[in-house]
N, C-alpha and C. Protein backbone atom coordinates (compact mmCIF):
# COMPACT_ATOMS: atom_id res chain seq x y z
N MET A 1 -104.54 -59.35 62.09
CA MET A 1 -103.37 -58.56 61.73
C MET A 1 -102.15 -59.47 61.55
N PHE A 2 -101.61 -59.94 62.67
CA PHE A 2 -100.43 -60.79 62.62
C PHE A 2 -100.75 -62.15 63.23
N THR A 3 -100.17 -63.17 62.65
CA THR A 3 -100.33 -64.51 63.20
C THR A 3 -99.04 -64.93 63.88
N ARG A 4 -99.16 -65.97 64.67
CA ARG A 4 -98.00 -66.52 65.38
C ARG A 4 -96.94 -66.98 64.38
N LYS A 5 -97.39 -67.59 63.30
CA LYS A 5 -96.46 -68.10 62.29
C LYS A 5 -95.67 -66.96 61.63
N HIS A 6 -96.35 -65.87 61.36
CA HIS A 6 -95.70 -64.71 60.73
C HIS A 6 -94.64 -64.11 61.66
N LEU A 7 -94.99 -63.95 62.92
CA LEU A 7 -94.03 -63.38 63.87
C LEU A 7 -92.86 -64.32 64.11
N ARG A 8 -93.12 -65.62 64.11
CA ARG A 8 -92.05 -66.62 64.29
C ARG A 8 -91.05 -66.56 63.13
N LYS A 9 -91.56 -66.32 61.91
CA LYS A 9 -90.67 -66.20 60.75
C LYS A 9 -89.72 -65.01 60.92
N TRP A 10 -90.26 -63.87 61.35
CA TRP A 10 -89.42 -62.69 61.57
C TRP A 10 -88.39 -62.94 62.66
N TRP A 11 -88.82 -63.57 63.75
CA TRP A 11 -87.93 -63.87 64.87
C TRP A 11 -86.77 -64.77 64.40
N ASN A 12 -87.12 -65.86 63.69
CA ASN A 12 -86.09 -66.80 63.24
C ASN A 12 -85.15 -66.17 62.22
N ARG A 13 -85.69 -65.37 61.33
CA ARG A 13 -84.85 -64.70 60.33
C ARG A 13 -83.85 -63.76 61.00
N ALA A 14 -84.33 -63.00 61.96
CA ALA A 14 -83.44 -62.07 62.67
C ALA A 14 -82.42 -62.83 63.52
N LEU A 15 -82.82 -63.93 64.08
CA LEU A 15 -81.91 -64.74 64.88
C LEU A 15 -80.82 -65.36 64.00
N ARG A 16 -81.20 -65.88 62.84
CA ARG A 16 -80.23 -66.47 61.92
C ARG A 16 -79.24 -65.45 61.38
N ARG A 17 -79.73 -64.25 61.11
CA ARG A 17 -78.85 -63.20 60.57
C ARG A 17 -78.09 -62.44 61.65
N ARG A 18 -78.30 -62.82 62.91
CA ARG A 18 -77.60 -62.26 64.06
C ARG A 18 -77.86 -60.76 64.26
N VAL A 19 -79.08 -60.35 64.04
CA VAL A 19 -79.43 -58.95 64.26
C VAL A 19 -80.50 -58.78 65.34
N LEU A 20 -81.02 -59.87 65.85
CA LEU A 20 -82.12 -59.79 66.81
C LEU A 20 -81.70 -59.03 68.07
N PHE A 21 -80.55 -59.34 68.61
CA PHE A 21 -80.13 -58.73 69.87
C PHE A 21 -79.48 -57.37 69.66
N ASN A 22 -79.02 -57.08 68.46
CA ASN A 22 -78.44 -55.76 68.18
C ASN A 22 -79.51 -54.74 67.78
N ALA A 23 -80.49 -55.18 67.02
CA ALA A 23 -81.49 -54.25 66.49
C ALA A 23 -82.58 -53.93 67.51
N LEU A 24 -82.91 -54.88 68.35
CA LEU A 24 -84.01 -54.69 69.28
C LEU A 24 -83.49 -54.63 70.71
N ASP A 25 -84.04 -53.72 71.49
CA ASP A 25 -83.67 -53.70 72.90
C ASP A 25 -84.48 -54.77 73.65
N ARG A 26 -84.22 -54.89 74.91
CA ARG A 26 -84.82 -55.95 75.71
C ARG A 26 -86.34 -55.87 75.73
N GLU A 27 -86.85 -54.67 75.81
CA GLU A 27 -88.30 -54.47 75.86
C GLU A 27 -88.97 -54.90 74.55
N ASP A 28 -88.38 -54.50 73.43
CA ASP A 28 -88.96 -54.87 72.12
C ASP A 28 -88.93 -56.38 71.90
N ARG A 29 -87.81 -57.01 72.29
CA ARG A 29 -87.74 -58.47 72.17
C ARG A 29 -88.79 -59.13 73.05
N GLY A 30 -89.01 -58.57 74.22
CA GLY A 30 -90.03 -59.12 75.12
C GLY A 30 -91.42 -59.01 74.55
N TYR A 31 -91.75 -57.84 73.98
CA TYR A 31 -93.07 -57.67 73.35
C TYR A 31 -93.25 -58.66 72.20
N LEU A 32 -92.24 -58.77 71.38
CA LEU A 32 -92.34 -59.66 70.22
C LEU A 32 -92.48 -61.11 70.67
N TYR A 33 -91.68 -61.52 71.64
CA TYR A 33 -91.74 -62.89 72.13
C TYR A 33 -93.08 -63.18 72.78
N LEU A 34 -93.57 -62.24 73.57
CA LEU A 34 -94.86 -62.42 74.23
C LEU A 34 -95.99 -62.53 73.21
N ALA A 35 -95.97 -61.65 72.22
CA ALA A 35 -97.01 -61.69 71.19
C ALA A 35 -96.93 -62.99 70.39
N MET A 36 -95.71 -63.45 70.19
CA MET A 36 -95.50 -64.65 69.39
C MET A 36 -95.96 -65.91 70.14
N THR A 37 -95.76 -65.93 71.44
CA THR A 37 -96.09 -67.14 72.19
C THR A 37 -97.49 -67.11 72.80
N ALA A 38 -98.00 -65.96 73.14
CA ALA A 38 -99.28 -65.89 73.86
C ALA A 38 -100.50 -65.86 72.94
N PHE A 39 -100.35 -65.35 71.74
CA PHE A 39 -101.51 -65.15 70.87
C PHE A 39 -101.36 -65.97 69.60
N ASP A 40 -102.49 -66.52 69.14
CA ASP A 40 -102.51 -67.15 67.83
C ASP A 40 -102.59 -66.09 66.74
N GLU A 41 -103.35 -65.05 67.03
CA GLU A 41 -103.51 -63.94 66.10
C GLU A 41 -103.70 -62.66 66.89
N ILE A 42 -103.01 -61.61 66.49
CA ILE A 42 -103.13 -60.32 67.17
C ILE A 42 -104.26 -59.54 66.50
N ARG A 43 -105.25 -59.19 67.29
CA ARG A 43 -106.39 -58.44 66.76
C ARG A 43 -106.48 -57.03 67.34
N ASN A 44 -105.82 -56.80 68.45
CA ASN A 44 -105.86 -55.50 69.11
C ASN A 44 -105.02 -54.49 68.32
N VAL A 45 -105.58 -53.33 68.06
CA VAL A 45 -104.90 -52.32 67.25
C VAL A 45 -103.68 -51.76 67.98
N ASP A 46 -103.79 -51.55 69.28
CA ASP A 46 -102.67 -50.99 70.04
C ASP A 46 -101.47 -51.94 70.06
N VAL A 47 -101.74 -53.20 70.29
CA VAL A 47 -100.66 -54.20 70.26
C VAL A 47 -100.11 -54.30 68.84
N GLY A 48 -100.98 -54.23 67.86
CA GLY A 48 -100.55 -54.30 66.46
C GLY A 48 -99.61 -53.16 66.07
N THR A 49 -99.89 -51.96 66.57
CA THR A 49 -99.00 -50.83 66.24
C THR A 49 -97.63 -51.00 66.88
N ILE A 50 -97.59 -51.56 68.08
CA ILE A 50 -96.30 -51.82 68.73
C ILE A 50 -95.52 -52.85 67.92
N ILE A 51 -96.20 -53.90 67.50
CA ILE A 51 -95.54 -54.95 66.72
C ILE A 51 -95.07 -54.43 65.37
N VAL A 52 -95.85 -53.55 64.75
CA VAL A 52 -95.44 -52.96 63.46
C VAL A 52 -94.15 -52.17 63.63
N LYS A 53 -94.03 -51.40 64.69
CA LYS A 53 -92.81 -50.63 64.93
C LYS A 53 -91.62 -51.55 65.16
N ILE A 54 -91.83 -52.62 65.88
CA ILE A 54 -90.75 -53.57 66.14
C ILE A 54 -90.33 -54.26 64.85
N LEU A 55 -91.29 -54.67 64.03
CA LEU A 55 -90.95 -55.33 62.76
C LEU A 55 -90.28 -54.37 61.79
N ALA A 56 -90.61 -53.08 61.87
CA ALA A 56 -89.93 -52.10 61.03
C ALA A 56 -88.46 -51.99 61.41
N LYS A 57 -88.17 -52.04 62.71
CA LYS A 57 -86.78 -52.04 63.15
C LYS A 57 -86.04 -53.27 62.63
N LEU A 58 -86.70 -54.42 62.71
CA LEU A 58 -86.07 -55.65 62.21
C LEU A 58 -85.86 -55.60 60.71
N LYS A 59 -86.84 -55.08 59.99
CA LYS A 59 -86.71 -55.00 58.54
C LYS A 59 -85.54 -54.11 58.15
N ASP A 60 -85.38 -53.00 58.85
CA ASP A 60 -84.26 -52.11 58.57
C ASP A 60 -82.92 -52.78 58.90
N ALA A 61 -82.88 -53.54 59.99
CA ALA A 61 -81.65 -54.20 60.39
C ALA A 61 -81.28 -55.35 59.46
N LEU A 62 -82.26 -55.94 58.80
CA LEU A 62 -82.00 -57.07 57.92
C LEU A 62 -81.56 -56.67 56.51
N LYS A 63 -81.55 -55.37 56.22
CA LYS A 63 -81.13 -54.92 54.90
C LYS A 63 -79.63 -55.17 54.70
N SER A 64 -79.28 -55.51 53.49
CA SER A 64 -77.87 -55.75 53.18
C SER A 64 -77.14 -54.41 53.07
N PRO A 65 -75.83 -54.42 53.21
CA PRO A 65 -75.07 -53.17 53.05
C PRO A 65 -75.24 -52.54 51.67
N PHE A 66 -75.41 -53.37 50.64
CA PHE A 66 -75.60 -52.83 49.30
C PHE A 66 -76.92 -52.08 49.18
N VAL A 67 -77.98 -52.63 49.76
CA VAL A 67 -79.29 -51.96 49.71
C VAL A 67 -79.24 -50.64 50.47
N ARG A 68 -78.54 -50.64 51.60
CA ARG A 68 -78.39 -49.39 52.35
C ARG A 68 -77.64 -48.36 51.51
N ARG A 69 -76.62 -48.80 50.79
CA ARG A 69 -75.84 -47.89 49.95
C ARG A 69 -76.71 -47.37 48.80
N MET A 70 -77.57 -48.24 48.26
CA MET A 70 -78.49 -47.79 47.20
C MET A 70 -79.41 -46.70 47.73
N GLU A 71 -79.90 -46.87 48.95
CA GLU A 71 -80.83 -45.89 49.51
C GLU A 71 -80.15 -44.57 49.81
N THR A 72 -78.90 -44.61 50.22
CA THR A 72 -78.22 -43.37 50.58
C THR A 72 -77.58 -42.70 49.36
N TYR A 73 -76.75 -43.42 48.65
CA TYR A 73 -76.01 -42.82 47.55
C TYR A 73 -76.78 -42.87 46.23
N GLY A 74 -77.27 -44.05 45.86
CA GLY A 74 -77.85 -44.26 44.54
C GLY A 74 -79.08 -43.42 44.25
N VAL A 75 -79.96 -43.30 45.20
CA VAL A 75 -81.19 -42.52 44.99
C VAL A 75 -80.87 -41.04 44.79
N GLY A 76 -79.98 -40.52 45.62
CA GLY A 76 -79.61 -39.11 45.49
C GLY A 76 -78.92 -38.81 44.17
N LYS A 77 -78.01 -39.69 43.77
CA LYS A 77 -77.29 -39.50 42.51
C LYS A 77 -78.23 -39.61 41.31
N SER A 78 -79.18 -40.55 41.37
CA SER A 78 -80.11 -40.69 40.25
C SER A 78 -81.01 -39.46 40.12
N ARG A 79 -81.38 -38.86 41.23
CA ARG A 79 -82.20 -37.64 41.16
C ARG A 79 -81.42 -36.49 40.56
N ILE A 80 -80.15 -36.38 40.93
CA ILE A 80 -79.31 -35.31 40.37
C ILE A 80 -79.15 -35.49 38.86
N LEU A 81 -78.80 -36.71 38.43
CA LEU A 81 -78.60 -36.96 37.00
C LEU A 81 -79.90 -36.82 36.22
N SER A 82 -81.01 -37.21 36.82
CA SER A 82 -82.30 -37.06 36.16
C SER A 82 -82.62 -35.58 35.94
N ARG A 83 -82.38 -34.76 36.96
CA ARG A 83 -82.62 -33.33 36.84
C ARG A 83 -81.76 -32.70 35.75
N ILE A 84 -80.50 -33.10 35.69
CA ILE A 84 -79.60 -32.57 34.66
C ILE A 84 -80.09 -32.95 33.28
N ALA A 85 -80.49 -34.21 33.09
CA ALA A 85 -80.94 -34.66 31.77
C ALA A 85 -82.24 -33.98 31.37
N VAL A 86 -83.13 -33.74 32.31
CA VAL A 86 -84.37 -33.02 32.00
C VAL A 86 -84.03 -31.58 31.61
N GLY A 87 -83.06 -31.00 32.27
CA GLY A 87 -82.63 -29.65 31.93
C GLY A 87 -82.05 -29.55 30.53
N TRP A 88 -81.48 -30.65 30.04
CA TRP A 88 -80.93 -30.67 28.67
C TRP A 88 -82.00 -30.95 27.63
N GLY A 89 -83.24 -31.18 28.07
CA GLY A 89 -84.33 -31.36 27.14
C GLY A 89 -84.82 -32.79 26.99
N HIS A 90 -84.28 -33.73 27.73
CA HIS A 90 -84.70 -35.13 27.65
C HIS A 90 -85.83 -35.34 28.67
N ARG A 91 -87.08 -35.22 28.21
CA ARG A 91 -88.22 -35.25 29.12
C ARG A 91 -88.42 -36.61 29.78
N ALA A 92 -88.10 -37.68 29.09
CA ALA A 92 -88.29 -39.02 29.65
C ALA A 92 -87.32 -39.29 30.80
N ALA A 93 -86.30 -38.48 30.94
CA ALA A 93 -85.31 -38.68 32.00
C ALA A 93 -85.87 -38.40 33.38
N GLY A 94 -87.02 -37.79 33.46
CA GLY A 94 -87.65 -37.53 34.75
C GLY A 94 -88.01 -38.82 35.49
N GLU A 95 -88.19 -39.90 34.75
CA GLU A 95 -88.54 -41.18 35.34
C GLU A 95 -87.31 -41.91 35.90
N TRP A 96 -86.12 -41.47 35.56
CA TRP A 96 -84.90 -42.14 36.01
C TRP A 96 -84.73 -42.08 37.52
N ALA A 97 -85.19 -41.01 38.12
CA ALA A 97 -84.97 -40.81 39.55
C ALA A 97 -85.56 -41.94 40.39
N ASP A 98 -86.65 -42.53 39.95
CA ASP A 98 -87.32 -43.58 40.72
C ASP A 98 -87.12 -44.97 40.14
N HIS A 99 -86.30 -45.11 39.13
CA HIS A 99 -86.08 -46.40 38.49
C HIS A 99 -85.05 -47.20 39.28
N VAL A 100 -85.45 -48.36 39.79
CA VAL A 100 -84.59 -49.16 40.66
C VAL A 100 -83.35 -49.65 39.92
N GLY A 101 -83.52 -50.00 38.66
CA GLY A 101 -82.38 -50.48 37.88
C GLY A 101 -81.31 -49.41 37.71
N PHE A 102 -81.74 -48.19 37.48
CA PHE A 102 -80.79 -47.08 37.32
C PHE A 102 -80.09 -46.78 38.64
N VAL A 103 -80.84 -46.81 39.74
CA VAL A 103 -80.25 -46.58 41.06
C VAL A 103 -79.22 -47.67 41.37
N ARG A 104 -79.55 -48.92 41.05
CA ARG A 104 -78.63 -50.03 41.28
C ARG A 104 -77.38 -49.86 40.42
N TYR A 105 -77.56 -49.48 39.17
CA TYR A 105 -76.43 -49.27 38.26
C TYR A 105 -75.49 -48.19 38.79
N LEU A 106 -76.02 -47.07 39.22
CA LEU A 106 -75.18 -46.00 39.75
C LEU A 106 -74.44 -46.43 41.02
N THR A 107 -75.11 -47.22 41.84
CA THR A 107 -74.47 -47.70 43.06
C THR A 107 -73.34 -48.66 42.76
N VAL A 108 -73.55 -49.55 41.80
CA VAL A 108 -72.48 -50.48 41.41
C VAL A 108 -71.31 -49.72 40.82
N LEU A 109 -71.58 -48.72 39.99
CA LEU A 109 -70.50 -47.91 39.44
C LEU A 109 -69.69 -47.24 40.54
N GLU A 110 -70.39 -46.70 41.53
CA GLU A 110 -69.70 -45.99 42.61
C GLU A 110 -68.88 -46.95 43.46
N LEU A 111 -69.38 -48.15 43.69
CA LEU A 111 -68.66 -49.11 44.52
C LEU A 111 -67.43 -49.68 43.82
N ASN A 112 -67.43 -49.68 42.48
CA ASN A 112 -66.33 -50.27 41.74
C ASN A 112 -65.30 -49.27 41.25
N VAL A 113 -65.40 -48.02 41.66
CA VAL A 113 -64.40 -47.03 41.30
C VAL A 113 -63.14 -47.30 42.11
N PRO A 114 -61.99 -47.41 41.45
CA PRO A 114 -60.75 -47.60 42.22
C PRO A 114 -60.49 -46.42 43.13
N SER A 115 -59.89 -46.69 44.27
CA SER A 115 -59.64 -45.62 45.22
C SER A 115 -58.63 -44.63 44.63
N GLY A 116 -58.86 -43.36 44.85
CA GLY A 116 -57.99 -42.32 44.33
C GLY A 116 -58.45 -41.74 43.02
N TRP A 117 -59.46 -42.33 42.38
CA TRP A 117 -59.97 -41.81 41.11
C TRP A 117 -61.07 -40.81 41.38
N GLY A 118 -61.12 -39.78 40.60
CA GLY A 118 -62.19 -38.79 40.69
C GLY A 118 -62.18 -38.00 41.97
N VAL A 119 -60.99 -37.75 42.48
CA VAL A 119 -60.89 -37.03 43.76
C VAL A 119 -61.28 -35.63 43.62
């Protein structure tokens, strides 16, 4: 499942980005450190599921603010605009809702609107 090298990469990345101690509580850091130092490879399914949950927390904490904004604002806005365009008869617009480029475009537009506009 997981190797020592793989877990060490996650640990170092989180440490460099200064999210290791904020994203993980003491118990999670202990599990990750123990798994990283004690085992060459994790084969146990129960230990693997614990490590997967811990790595999911780290992955979420390592996301940039822009990616978080894309997930919250951009995806919702693209679904709304896609639905409106499909309602107007543009059948290909149904694919817009899941298109990463369109979601990114809408997020950039929203972030660059001057304050006070479109109130």
